[in-house]
Amino acid sequence: MPAFSERSLAHLSSCDPRLQALFTQVIKIVDCTILCGHRNEEDQNRVFLRGMSKLMFPKSKHNTLPSKAVDVVAYPIAWNDRERLYLFVGVVKGVASMMDIPIRSGLDWDNDFDVKDQSFFDGPHFELIEEVKSEN
């Protein structure tokens, strides 16, 4: 059975317990690697300047501690295989749904199941969707 490397476990340990639980289940189905959990100011601004994020510190969900976002890809990594990224997102979203963990993917930011209407592609990105509580 696949298992996370020490590096992946270190990244995952910086994430919200729900993301930790989710990807602990996902790796039982698909071998994957955790690329990033929490990002400090320097790391966040670096990925922003490289065009890999639309947000500067502290606006990203990666900037909370524990992180409300995680970057994960199927292993071995195949950056040019978008279809594989989409398949992996399907597995993650299916497991998250079964665990009642509300997430969104960087392949479908508006969570409308239409990946063709996106303006920013972030294949490895998953983030928790925080519920908005009404004050009624």
C-alpha atoms as a PDB file:
ATOM      1  CA  MET A   1       0.000   0.000   0.000  1.00  0.00           C
ATOM      2  CA  PRO A   2       1.299   3.506  -0.774  1.00  0.00           C
ATOM      3  CA  ALA A   3       2.552   5.640   2.096  1.00  0.00           C
ATOM      4  CA  PHE A   4       3.560   9.257   2.453  1.00  0.00           C
ATOM      5  CA  SER A   5       7.239  10.160   2.580  1.00  0.00           C
ATOM      6  CA  GLU A   6       8.573  11.994   5.617  1.00  0.00           C
ATOM      7  CA  ARG A   7       8.576  15.204   3.590  1.00  0.00           C
ATOM      8  CA  SER A   8       4.926  14.766   2.582  1.00  0.00           C
ATOM      9  CA  LEU A   9       3.988  13.996   6.189  1.00  0.00           C
ATOM     10  CA  ALA A  10       5.758  17.168   7.351  1.00  0.00           C
ATOM     11  CA  HIS A  11       3.814  19.261   4.825  1.00  0.00           C
ATOM     12  CA  LEU A  12       0.537  17.544   5.707  1.00  0.00           C
ATOM     13  CA  SER A  13       1.105  18.048   9.442  1.00  0.00           C
ATOM     14  CA  SER A  14       0.900  21.832   8.870  1.00  0.00           C
ATOM     15  CA  CYS A  15      -2.663  21.439   7.562  1.00  0.00           C
ATOM     16  CA  ASP A  16      -6.073  21.525   9.162  1.00  0.00           C
ATOM     17  CA  PRO A  17      -6.957  18.139  10.738  1.00  0.00           C
ATOM     18  CA  ARG A  18      -9.744  17.666   8.156  1.00  0.00           C
ATOM     19  CA  LEU A  19      -7.225  17.860   5.310  1.00  0.00           C
ATOM     20  CA  GLN A  20      -4.947  15.480   7.190  1.00  0.00           C
ATOM     21  CA  ALA A  21      -7.792  12.992   7.593  1.00  0.00           C
ATOM     22  CA  LEU A  22      -8.843  13.360   3.965  1.00  0.00           C
ATOM     23  CA  PHE A  23      -5.437  12.699   2.454  1.00  0.00           C
ATOM     24  CA  THR A  24      -4.752   9.876   4.907  1.00  0.00           C
ATOM     25  CA  GLN A  25      -7.692   8.157   3.201  1.00  0.00           C
ATOM     26  CA  VAL A  26      -6.844   9.288  -0.341  1.00  0.00           C
ATOM     27  CA  ILE A  27      -3.371   7.720  -0.237  1.00  0.00           C
ATOM     28  CA  LYS A  28      -5.019   4.355   0.430  1.00  0.00           C
ATOM     29  CA  ILE A  29      -6.610   4.665  -3.026  1.00  0.00           C
ATOM     30  CA  VAL A  30      -4.056   6.623  -5.082  1.00  0.00           C
ATOM     31  CA  ASP A  31      -0.359   7.113  -4.355  1.00  0.00           C
ATOM     32  CA  CYS A  32       0.201  10.839  -3.990  1.00  0.00           C
ATOM     33  CA  THR A  33       2.651  13.391  -2.684  1.00  0.00           C
ATOM     34  CA  ILE A  34       1.995  16.476  -0.580  1.00  0.00           C
ATOM     35  CA  LEU A  35       3.788  19.412  -2.203  1.00  0.00           C
ATOM     36  CA  CYS A  36       2.812  22.159   0.205  1.00  0.00           C
ATOM     37  CA  GLY A  37       0.681  22.857   3.243  1.00  0.00           C
ATOM     38  CA  HIS A  38       1.308  26.030   5.223  1.00  0.00           C
ATOM     39  CA  ARG A  39       3.202  28.851   3.500  1.00  0.00           C
ATOM     40  CA  ASN A  40       4.926  31.654   5.372  1.00  0.00           C
ATOM     41  CA  GLU A  41       5.089  35.200   4.000  1.00  0.00           C
ATOM     42  CA  GLU A  42       8.280  34.673   2.009  1.00  0.00           C
ATOM     43  CA  ASP A  43       7.058  31.442   0.399  1.00  0.00           C
ATOM     44  CA  GLN A  44       3.610  32.840  -0.431  1.00  0.00           C
ATOM     45  CA  ASN A  45       4.947  35.992  -2.022  1.00  0.00           C
ATOM     46  CA  ARG A  46       7.482  33.932  -4.020  1.00  0.00           C
ATOM     47  CA  VAL A  47       4.759  31.733  -5.554  1.00  0.00           C
ATOM     48  CA  PHE A  48       2.683  34.854  -6.224  1.00  0.00           C
ATOM     49  CA  LEU A  49       5.562  36.531  -8.080  1.00  0.00           C
ATOM     50  CA  ARG A  50       6.127  33.332 -10.103  1.00  0.00           C
ATOM     51  CA  GLY A  51       2.454  33.392 -11.182  1.00  0.00           C
ATOM     52  CA  MET A  52       1.628  30.216  -9.256  1.00  0.00           C
ATOM     53  CA  SER A  53      -0.838  31.989  -6.955  1.00  0.00           C
ATOM     54  CA  LYS A  54      -3.236  34.883  -7.394  1.00  0.00           C
ATOM     55  CA  LEU A  55      -2.860  35.975  -3.776  1.00  0.00           C
ATOM     56  CA  MET A  56      -0.095  37.613  -1.781  1.00  0.00           C
ATOM     57  CA  PHE A  57       0.477  36.917   1.906  1.00  0.00           C
ATOM     58  CA  PRO A  58      -1.659  36.712   4.072  1.00  0.00           C
ATOM     59  CA  LYS A  59      -4.672  36.262   1.780  1.00  0.00           C
ATOM     60  CA  SER A  60      -4.106  32.623   0.749  1.00  0.00           C
ATOM     61  CA  LYS A  61      -5.671  29.749   2.648  1.00  0.00           C
ATOM     62  CA  HIS A  62      -2.117  28.333   2.713  1.00  0.00           C
ATOM     63  CA  ASN A  63      -1.176  31.187   5.071  1.00  0.00           C
ATOM     64  CA  THR A  64      -3.279  30.122   8.045  1.00  0.00           C
ATOM     65  CA  LEU A  65      -1.843  27.809  10.658  1.00  0.00           C
ATOM     66  CA  PRO A  66      -3.046  25.173  10.445  1.00  0.00           C
ATOM     67  CA  SER A  67      -3.303  25.609   6.692  1.00  0.00           C
ATOM     68  CA  LYS A  68      -6.774  25.509   5.150  1.00  0.00           C
ATOM     69  CA  ALA A  69      -5.194  24.573   1.793  1.00  0.00           C
ATOM     70  CA  VAL A  70      -2.861  21.877   0.531  1.00  0.00           C
ATOM     71  CA  ASP A  71      -1.164  21.160  -2.792  1.00  0.00           C
ATOM     72  CA  VAL A  72      -1.196  17.458  -3.670  1.00  0.00           C
ATOM     73  CA  VAL A  73      -0.573  15.451  -6.852  1.00  0.00           C
ATOM     74  CA  ALA A  74      -0.712  11.801  -7.805  1.00  0.00           C
ATOM     75  CA  TYR A  75       2.667  10.084  -7.673  1.00  0.00           C
ATOM     76  CA  PRO A  76       4.756   9.742  -9.733  1.00  0.00           C
ATOM     77  CA  ILE A  77       4.279  13.352 -10.764  1.00  0.00           C
ATOM     78  CA  ALA A  78       3.357  13.951 -14.410  1.00  0.00           C
ATOM     79  CA  TRP A  79       2.963  17.728 -14.753  1.00  0.00           C
ATOM     80  CA  ASN A  80       2.013  17.629 -18.435  1.00  0.00           C
ATOM     81  CA  ASP A  81      -0.741  15.029 -17.963  1.00  0.00           C
ATOM     82  CA  ARG A  82      -3.796  17.176 -17.235  1.00  0.00           C
ATOM     83  CA  GLU A  83      -6.164  14.256 -17.598  1.00  0.00           C
ATOM     84  CA  ARG A  84      -4.372  12.523 -14.734  1.00  0.00           C
ATOM     85  CA  LEU A  85      -4.781  15.664 -12.598  1.00  0.00           C
ATOM     86  CA  TYR A  86      -8.512  15.674 -13.317  1.00  0.00           C
ATOM     87  CA  LEU A  87      -8.826  11.994 -12.411  1.00  0.00           C
ATOM     88  CA  PHE A  88      -6.979  12.587  -9.153  1.00  0.00           C
ATOM     89  CA  VAL A  89      -9.221  15.538  -8.273  1.00  0.00           C
ATOM     90  CA  GLY A  90     -12.232  13.275  -8.855  1.00  0.00           C
ATOM     91  CA  VAL A  91     -10.903  10.726  -6.387  1.00  0.00           C
ATOM     92  CA  VAL A  92     -10.139  13.417  -3.794  1.00  0.00           C
ATOM     93  CA  LYS A  93     -13.539  15.061  -4.156  1.00  0.00           C
ATOM     94  CA  GLY A  94     -15.292  11.695  -3.927  1.00  0.00           C
ATOM     95  CA  VAL A  95     -13.465  10.756  -0.725  1.00  0.00           C
ATOM     96  CA  ALA A  96     -14.055  14.238   0.709  1.00  0.00           C
ATOM     97  CA  SER A  97     -17.763  13.946  -0.033  1.00  0.00           C
ATOM     98  CA  MET A  98     -17.963  10.568   1.714  1.00  0.00           C
ATOM     99  CA  MET A  99     -16.163  12.077   4.722  1.00  0.00           C
ATOM    100  CA  ASP A 100     -18.396  15.191   4.691  1.00  0.00           C
ATOM    101  CA  ILE A 101     -15.383  17.479   4.218  1.00  0.00           C
ATOM    102  CA  PRO A 102     -16.304  20.496   2.054  1.00  0.00           C
ATOM    103  CA  ILE A 103     -13.442  21.210  -0.364  1.00  0.00           C
ATOM    104  CA  ARG A 104     -12.817  22.934  -3.661  1.00  0.00           C
ATOM    105  CA  SER A 105     -10.113  22.268  -6.199  1.00  0.00           C
ATOM    106  CA  GLY A 106      -7.890  24.632  -8.150  1.00  0.00           C
ATOM    107  CA  LEU A 107      -9.383  23.012 -11.257  1.00  0.00           C
ATOM    108  CA  ASP A 108     -12.934  24.123 -10.400  1.00  0.00           C
ATOM    109  CA  TRP A 109     -12.758  27.232  -8.213  1.00  0.00           C
ATOM    110  CA  ASP A 110     -16.493  27.929  -8.309  1.00  0.00           C
ATOM    111  CA  ASN A 111     -17.305  24.264  -7.604  1.00  0.00           C
ATOM    112  CA  ASP A 112     -19.877  24.126 -10.409  1.00  0.00           C
ATOM    113  CA  PHE A 113     -18.485  20.924 -12.000  1.00  0.00           C
ATOM    114  CA  ASP A 114     -17.479  22.924 -15.105  1.00  0.00           C
ATOM    115  CA  VAL A 115     -13.704  23.040 -15.472  1.00  0.00           C
ATOM    116  CA  LYS A 116     -13.849  25.022 -18.710  1.00  0.00           C
ATOM    117  CA  ASP A 117     -15.014  28.256 -17.069  1.00  0.00           C
ATOM    118  CA  GLN A 118     -11.890  28.747 -14.928  1.00  0.00           C
ATOM    119  CA  SER A 119      -9.530  31.695 -15.312  1.00  0.00           C
ATOM    120  CA  PHE A 120      -6.687  30.278 -13.194  1.00  0.00           C
ATOM    121  CA  PHE A 121      -5.394  26.699 -13.392  1.00  0.00           C
ATOM    122  CA  ASP A 122      -3.981  25.324 -10.134  1.00  0.00           C
ATOM    123  CA  GLY A 123      -4.108  21.557 -10.594  1.00  0.00           C
ATOM    124  CA  PRO A 124      -2.580  20.454  -7.281  1.00  0.00           C
ATOM    125  CA  HIS A 125      -4.564  22.874  -5.069  1.00  0.00           C
ATOM    126  CA  PHE A 126      -7.298  21.796  -2.634  1.00  0.00           C
ATOM    127  CA  GLU A 127      -8.849  24.041  -0.013  1.00  0.00           C
ATOM    128  CA  LEU A 128     -11.502  23.788   2.641  1.00  0.00           C
ATOM    129  CA  ILE A 129     -14.743  25.609   1.999  1.00  0.00           C
ATOM    130  CA  GLU A 130     -15.672  27.436   5.143  1.00  0.00           C
ATOM    131  CA  GLU A 131     -19.355  27.603   5.926  1.00  0.00           C
ATOM    132  CA  VAL A 132     -20.817  31.078   6.196  1.00  0.00           C
ATOM    133  CA  LYS A 133     -22.944  31.288   9.316  1.00  0.00           C
ATOM    134  CA  SER A 134     -25.973  33.526   9.169  1.00  0.00           C
ATOM    135  CA  GLU A 135     -26.893  35.693  12.135  1.00  0.00           C
ATOM    136  CA  ASN A 136     -30.649  35.035  12.028  1.00  0.00           C
END
